[in-house]
Protein backbone atom coordinates (compact mmCIF):
# COMPACT_ATOMS: atom_id res chain seq x y z
CA UNK A 1 -7.13 -0.90 19.22
CA UNK A 2 -9.98 1.50 20.00
CA UNK A 3 -13.62 0.64 19.23
CA UNK A 4 -13.73 3.23 16.41
CA UNK A 5 -10.54 1.98 14.78
CA UNK A 6 -11.70 -1.64 15.11
CA UNK A 7 -15.03 -0.79 13.50
CA UNK A 8 -13.28 0.96 10.61
CA UNK A 9 -11.01 -2.03 10.10
CA UNK A 10 -13.99 -4.43 10.12
CA UNK A 11 -15.83 -2.27 7.61
CA UNK A 12 -12.80 -2.16 5.38
CA UNK A 13 -12.50 -5.94 5.42
CA UNK A 14 -16.17 -6.27 4.47
CA UNK A 15 -16.00 -3.86 1.57
CA UNK A 16 -12.41 -4.03 0.39
CA UNK A 17 -12.08 -5.38 -3.12
CA UNK A 18 -8.69 -5.18 -4.75
CA UNK A 19 -9.17 -5.06 -8.49
CA UNK A 20 -6.33 -5.96 -10.75
CA UNK A 21 -6.04 -2.88 -12.91
CA UNK A 22 -6.87 1.33 -13.88
CA UNK A 23 -6.48 4.22 -16.17
CA UNK A 24 -3.94 6.79 -15.16
CA UNK A 25 -4.87 10.45 -15.29
CA UNK A 26 -4.42 12.04 -18.67
CA UNK A 27 -2.00 14.97 -18.93
CA UNK A 28 -5.00 17.28 -19.16
CA UNK A 29 -6.69 15.74 -16.14
CA UNK A 30 -4.38 16.05 -13.12
CA UNK A 31 -5.19 15.28 -9.49
CA UNK A 32 -8.57 13.84 -10.54
CA UNK A 33 -6.99 10.42 -10.42
CA UNK A 34 -8.90 9.48 -13.57
CA UNK A 35 -7.77 6.07 -12.40
CA UNK A 36 -10.87 5.86 -10.25
CA UNK A 37 -13.10 8.73 -11.28
CA UNK A 38 -13.48 7.61 -14.89
CA UNK A 39 -13.92 3.98 -13.90
CA UNK A 40 -16.51 4.64 -11.25
CA UNK A 41 -18.42 7.24 -13.25
CA UNK A 42 -18.68 9.43 -10.18
CA UNK A 43 -16.94 9.14 -6.83
CA UNK A 44 -18.81 10.12 -3.72
CA UNK A 45 -17.00 12.12 -1.07
CA UNK A 46 -15.57 9.74 1.46
CA UNK A 47 -13.57 10.06 4.63
CA UNK A 48 -11.47 6.93 4.41
CA UNK A 49 -10.93 5.47 7.88
CA UNK A 50 -7.29 4.51 7.51
CA UNK A 51 -6.60 2.43 10.57
CA UNK A 52 -4.12 4.38 12.64
CA UNK A 53 -4.03 7.63 10.69
CA UNK A 54 -7.26 9.04 12.06
CA UNK A 55 -6.96 8.04 15.70
CA UNK A 56 -6.46 10.73 18.27
CA UNK A 57 -3.00 12.09 18.94
CA UNK A 58 -3.58 11.97 22.68
CA UNK A 59 -4.22 8.24 22.58
CA UNK A 60 -1.11 7.68 20.49
CA UNK A 61 1.04 9.80 22.78
CA UNK A 62 0.00 7.65 25.74
CA UNK A 63 1.73 4.72 24.08
CA UNK A 64 4.75 6.75 23.03
CA UNK A 65 8.20 6.28 24.50
CA UNK A 66 10.29 8.49 22.23
CA UNK A 67 12.08 11.47 23.83
CA UNK A 68 10.43 14.89 23.40
CA UNK A 69 10.85 16.03 19.82
CA UNK A 70 12.54 12.78 18.85
CA UNK A 71 9.57 11.39 16.95
CA UNK A 72 9.23 14.44 14.72
CA UNK A 73 12.99 14.57 14.06
CA UNK A 74 12.99 10.88 13.14
CA UNK A 75 10.30 11.13 10.48
CA UNK A 76 11.38 14.52 9.10
CA UNK A 77 14.81 13.06 8.35
CA UNK A 78 13.43 10.02 6.50
CA UNK A 79 14.04 11.48 3.03
CA UNK A 80 17.70 12.17 3.85
CA UNK A 81 18.06 8.57 5.06
CA UNK A 82 16.72 7.29 1.74
CA UNK A 83 19.19 9.43 -0.21
CA UNK A 84 22.02 8.03 1.91
CA UNK A 85 20.76 4.51 1.19
CA UNK A 86 21.06 5.22 -2.53
CA UNK A 87 18.25 3.07 -3.94
CA UNK A 88 15.69 0.41 -3.10
CA UNK A 89 12.91 -1.75 -4.40
CA UNK A 90 9.44 -0.32 -3.81
CA UNK A 91 5.86 -1.56 -3.84
CA UNK A 92 2.92 0.82 -3.87
CA UNK A 93 -0.83 0.79 -3.45
CA UNK A 94 -3.37 3.56 -3.91
CA UNK A 95 -6.88 3.04 -2.60
CA UNK A 96 -10.04 5.07 -3.02
CA UNK A 97 -13.70 4.31 -2.41
CA UNK A 98 -16.52 4.46 -4.92
CA UNK A 99 -20.08 3.47 -4.14
CA UNK A 100 -19.01 1.33 -1.18
CA UNK A 101 -16.37 -0.50 -3.21
CA UNK A 102 -12.65 0.00 -2.74
CA UNK A 103 -10.62 0.47 -5.92
CA UNK A 104 -6.94 -0.34 -5.54
CA UNK A 105 -4.03 0.30 -7.86
CA UNK A 106 -0.86 -1.63 -7.04
CA UNK A 107 2.68 -1.10 -8.28
CA UNK A 108 6.13 -2.65 -8.08
CA UNK A 109 9.53 -1.34 -9.12
CA UNK A 110 12.59 0.48 -7.90
CA UNK A 111 13.81 4.00 -7.20
CA UNK A 112 17.21 5.69 -7.16
CA UNK A 113 17.05 8.41 -4.50
CA UNK A 114 20.35 10.02 -5.41
CA UNK A 115 19.38 10.48 -9.06
CA UNK A 116 15.70 11.00 -8.17
CA UNK A 117 14.44 8.58 -10.79
CA UNK A 118 12.79 5.19 -10.88
CA UNK A 119 10.45 2.79 -12.63
CA UNK A 120 7.10 1.32 -11.58
CA UNK A 121 4.73 -1.16 -13.19
CA UNK A 122 1.12 -0.54 -12.17
CA UNK A 123 -1.64 -3.14 -12.09
CA UNK A 124 -4.88 -1.32 -12.81
CA UNK A 125 -8.63 -1.79 -12.20
CA UNK A 126 -11.21 -2.61 -14.83
CA UNK A 127 -13.42 -0.02 -16.46
CA UNK A 128 -16.64 1.01 -14.73
CA UNK A 129 -18.70 -1.66 -16.50
CA UNK A 130 -16.06 -4.27 -15.73
CA UNK A 131 -15.98 -5.29 -19.38
CA UNK A 132 -12.55 -4.08 -20.43
CA UNK A 133 -9.23 -4.82 -18.80
CA UNK A 134 -6.11 -2.73 -19.21
CA UNK A 135 -2.57 -3.89 -19.64
CA UNK A 136 -0.17 -2.99 -16.83
CA UNK A 137 1.15 0.55 -17.20
CA UNK A 138 4.89 1.15 -17.01
CA UNK A 139 5.89 4.47 -15.47
CA UNK A 140 9.26 6.18 -15.51
CA UNK A 141 9.60 8.73 -12.71
CA UNK A 142 12.15 11.44 -13.42
CA UNK A 143 12.77 14.99 -12.15
CA UNK A 144 10.13 17.16 -13.81
CA UNK A 145 8.53 14.46 -15.96
CA UNK A 146 6.44 11.31 -15.77
CA UNK A 147 6.51 8.85 -18.68
CA UNK A 148 3.69 6.29 -19.07
CA UNK A 149 3.69 3.32 -21.45
CA UNK A 150 0.53 1.44 -22.49
CA UNK A 151 -1.76 3.90 -20.74
CA UNK A 152 -4.56 3.35 -23.28
CA UNK A 153 -6.99 6.24 -24.03
CA UNK A 154 -6.17 6.24 -27.71
CA UNK A 155 -2.41 5.97 -27.29
CA UNK A 156 -0.97 3.22 -29.54
CA UNK A 157 0.38 0.13 -27.78
CA UNK A 158 4.05 0.42 -26.98
CA UNK A 159 4.05 4.21 -27.13
CA UNK A 160 4.96 6.48 -24.23
CA UNK A 161 3.14 9.57 -22.99
CA UNK A 162 5.19 12.31 -21.32
CA UNK A 163 3.58 14.40 -18.55
CA UNK A 164 5.24 17.59 -17.34
CA UNK A 165 4.96 17.07 -13.58
CA UNK A 166 5.93 20.68 -12.85
CA UNK A 167 2.47 21.61 -14.17
CA UNK A 168 0.54 19.12 -12.03
CA UNK A 169 -1.26 20.83 -9.15
CA UNK A 170 -0.79 17.81 -6.90
CA UNK A 171 2.99 17.62 -7.33
CA UNK A 172 2.50 14.09 -8.74
CA UNK A 173 1.54 12.79 -5.30
CA UNK A 174 -1.54 11.02 -6.70
CA UNK A 175 -1.85 11.75 -10.44
CA UNK A 176 0.23 8.82 -11.65
CA UNK A 177 -1.64 6.21 -9.61
CA UNK A 178 1.29 5.93 -7.17
CA UNK A 179 3.02 8.47 -4.96
CA UNK A 180 6.58 9.07 -6.13
CA UNK A 181 8.62 7.30 -3.40
CA UNK A 182 11.01 10.14 -2.61
CA UNK A 183 8.27 12.79 -2.74
CA UNK A 184 6.31 10.77 -0.21
CA UNK A 185 9.29 10.92 2.15
CA UNK A 186 9.95 14.60 1.43
CA UNK A 187 6.42 15.34 2.58
CA UNK A 188 7.42 14.17 6.07
CA UNK A 189 9.68 17.22 6.40
CA UNK A 190 6.47 19.02 7.29
CA UNK A 191 5.58 16.52 10.03
CA UNK A 192 3.73 17.85 13.06
CA UNK A 193 2.14 16.35 16.15
CA UNK A 194 4.11 13.16 15.69
CA UNK A 195 3.73 10.35 18.20
CA UNK A 196 5.83 7.22 18.70
CA UNK A 197 3.37 4.31 18.61
CA UNK A 198 5.77 1.49 19.40
CA UNK A 199 8.21 -1.07 18.08
CA UNK A 200 6.87 -3.51 15.49
CA UNK A 201 8.05 -5.84 12.73
CA UNK A 202 7.57 -5.25 9.01
CA UNK A 203 8.67 -7.96 6.55
CA UNK A 204 10.90 -9.47 9.22
CA UNK A 205 12.59 -6.14 10.06
CA UNK A 206 12.27 -4.44 13.44
CA UNK A 207 10.86 -0.97 12.96
CA UNK A 208 9.62 2.00 14.97
CA UNK A 209 6.07 3.06 14.19
CA UNK A 210 5.27 6.80 14.14
CA UNK A 211 1.93 8.51 13.56
CA UNK A 212 1.13 12.13 12.86
CA UNK A 213 0.19 14.72 10.27
CA UNK A 214 2.33 16.53 7.70
CA UNK A 215 1.79 20.08 6.48
CA UNK A 216 2.45 20.17 2.73
CA UNK A 217 3.40 23.87 2.75
CA UNK A 218 5.89 23.37 5.60
CA UNK A 219 7.36 20.39 3.77
CA UNK A 220 7.88 22.55 0.68
CA UNK A 221 9.76 25.13 2.74
CA UNK A 222 12.02 22.51 4.31
CA UNK A 223 12.70 20.42 1.20
CA UNK A 224 15.87 20.74 -0.91
CA UNK A 225 15.55 23.38 -3.63
CA UNK A 226 15.18 20.76 -6.38
CA UNK A 227 12.12 19.25 -4.66
CA UNK A 228 10.26 22.38 -3.57
CA UNK A 229 8.24 23.20 -6.69
CA UNK A 230 6.10 20.03 -6.73
CA UNK A 231 5.33 20.34 -3.02
CA UNK A 232 4.43 23.99 -3.41
CA UNK A 233 2.04 23.05 -6.19
CA UNK A 234 0.50 20.37 -3.98
CA UNK A 235 0.07 22.87 -1.14
CA UNK A 236 -2.10 24.93 -3.48
CA UNK A 237 -3.76 21.99 -5.21
CA UNK A 238 -5.11 19.83 -2.40
CA UNK A 239 -8.34 20.67 -0.62
CA UNK A 240 -6.80 19.54 2.68
CA UNK A 241 -3.13 20.40 3.13
CA UNK A 242 -2.66 18.50 6.40
CA UNK A 243 -1.84 14.90 5.47
CA UNK A 244 -2.31 12.19 8.14
CA UNK A 245 0.36 9.51 7.98
CA UNK A 246 1.73 6.36 9.56
CA UNK A 247 5.45 5.73 9.08
CA UNK A 248 7.60 2.72 9.96
CA UNK A 249 11.37 3.38 10.16
CA UNK A 250 14.19 0.88 10.63
CA UNK A 251 17.23 1.30 12.86
CA UNK A 252 19.02 3.27 10.13
CA UNK A 253 16.16 5.77 9.96
CA UNK A 254 15.04 4.50 6.55
CA UNK A 255 11.38 4.19 5.71
CA UNK A 256 10.13 0.64 5.44
CA UNK A 257 6.48 1.55 5.02
CA UNK A 258 4.60 4.84 4.71
CA UNK A 259 0.83 5.34 4.50
CA UNK A 260 -0.54 8.80 3.70
CA UNK A 261 -4.08 10.11 3.29
CA UNK A 262 -4.66 12.80 0.66
CA UNK A 263 -7.90 14.74 0.22
CA UNK A 264 -8.81 16.70 -2.89
CA UNK A 265 -11.86 18.10 -4.61
CA UNK A 266 -13.86 16.05 -7.11
CA UNK A 267 -15.48 19.15 -8.59
CA UNK A 268 -17.56 18.78 -11.72
CA UNK A 269 -15.88 18.84 -15.12
CA UNK A 270 -13.40 16.63 -16.87
CA UNK A 271 -10.81 18.89 -18.42
CA UNK A 272 -7.71 19.72 -16.45
CA UNK A 273 -9.33 20.69 -13.17
CA UNK A 274 -7.10 22.07 -10.46
CA UNK A 275 -7.94 21.97 -6.81
CA UNK A 276 -9.41 25.40 -6.22
CA UNK A 277 -12.21 26.22 -3.84
CA UNK A 278 -12.58 26.32 -0.12
CA UNK A 279 -10.28 24.20 2.00
CA UNK A 280 -11.79 21.31 3.86
CA UNK A 281 -11.23 19.86 7.31
CA UNK A 282 -8.67 17.20 8.15
CA UNK A 283 -11.19 14.37 8.14
CA UNK A 284 -12.10 15.10 4.52
CA UNK A 285 -15.44 16.80 5.13
CA UNK A 286 -16.14 19.86 2.98
CA UNK A 287 -15.30 23.30 4.29
CA UNK A 288 -17.60 26.30 4.17
CA UNK A 289 -18.77 27.05 0.65
CA UNK A 290 -17.84 23.60 -0.71
CA UNK A 291 -20.60 21.44 -2.16
CA UNK A 292 -21.24 18.56 0.27
CA UNK A 293 -20.04 15.20 -0.98
CA UNK A 294 -17.45 16.61 -3.36
CA UNK A 295 -14.20 15.76 -1.56
CA UNK A 296 -12.33 12.55 -2.36
CA UNK A 297 -9.80 10.89 -0.09
CA UNK A 298 -7.04 8.64 -1.38
CA UNK A 299 -4.88 6.41 0.80
CA UNK A 300 -1.42 5.91 -0.66
CA UNK A 301 0.96 3.32 0.79
CA UNK A 302 4.61 2.88 -0.20
CA UNK A 303 6.85 0.05 1.02
CA UNK A 304 10.64 0.16 0.75
CA UNK A 305 13.02 -2.82 0.86
CA UNK A 306 16.21 -4.30 -0.64
CA UNK A 307 18.16 -1.10 -0.17
CA UNK A 308 21.15 -0.69 -2.46
CA UNK A 309 19.57 -2.67 -5.31
CA UNK A 310 20.69 -1.08 -8.60
CA UNK A 311 17.90 0.70 -10.43
CA UNK A 312 18.26 1.18 -14.18
CA UNK A 313 15.95 3.64 -15.92
CA UNK A 314 16.06 3.48 -19.70
CA UNK A 315 14.48 6.57 -21.22
CA UNK A 316 12.26 6.16 -24.29
CA UNK A 317 13.51 7.32 -27.67
CA UNK A 318 11.88 10.51 -29.00
CA UNK A 319 10.26 8.44 -31.76
CA UNK A 320 8.52 6.30 -29.11
CA UNK A 321 6.84 9.23 -27.38
CA UNK A 322 3.24 9.77 -28.47
CA UNK A 323 2.45 13.36 -29.44
CA UNK A 324 -0.99 12.74 -30.89
CA UNK A 325 -4.43 13.08 -29.35
CA UNK A 326 -5.20 11.46 -26.02
CA UNK A 327 -8.82 10.45 -25.41
CA UNK A 328 -9.69 11.00 -21.74
CA UNK A 329 -12.23 8.62 -20.33
CA UNK A 330 -15.47 10.38 -19.46
CA UNK A 331 -17.51 9.68 -16.36
CA UNK A 332 -20.65 7.76 -17.10
């Protein structure tokens, strides 16, 4: 481990604080990840030092043993391997920094890759003042729509909120508080500069560790027709469209763990902001014309296991879907 990576890891251990709960972005507040912005009041621009993702490609290549082009082919085919596997259990975490404190949203559930649907239960952080806790939020992930139960913000307990994900400028990569498991893998179709790091073990399974960056626009071009629209939206929505990643694949080419770093603008305003403005650099620093300290970086990690486990998604009845007013939390 290099000195810089070791320092980042030490800093993360000193400051990391997993909180047990969050608000999920309201339908009118995409990509902002109201999960953290509303709770923190204001989120400073941060370049999250994800151990591994930000290290130099040259250093990683020196440890690589994969044949030329083999590393990129391996990760770009990860989504197809998941579809062949059928389904799996998944656990997720989404981390962002605010005022030197790490806010973490965790999730557990399952996903059916053939039907492109699944269910997650998210454990969320407290409000900014730390005085109010939220119940876990249940999410149903379906093609074109995200359903959230017990999301708070004026929605009656037990009611569901439906979000049209085709209108989200991040392609639902961060809005829901967890990256949709198949979308995370589809993003790897745009993988570039991929290096084979080495063989490791994850949850008792031998895996091959790859590191690189993924171009969201290239991923959209290479994805199946049914999955292109969200990725195209994300290519326009994110401030930085090159996404650093670390991926661990098993012998069948299936993802066992995937960490991705997304960067977007935290521009002022609270109502339905999209990610316009000048693009930034890969490390999350603002580009020309962007107000310094206005980019936010989110590290999303998805873990896949128990492949073949049946996943049952029971859709809410129309009468259980809330159509009334949703009160978005306002930054303090």
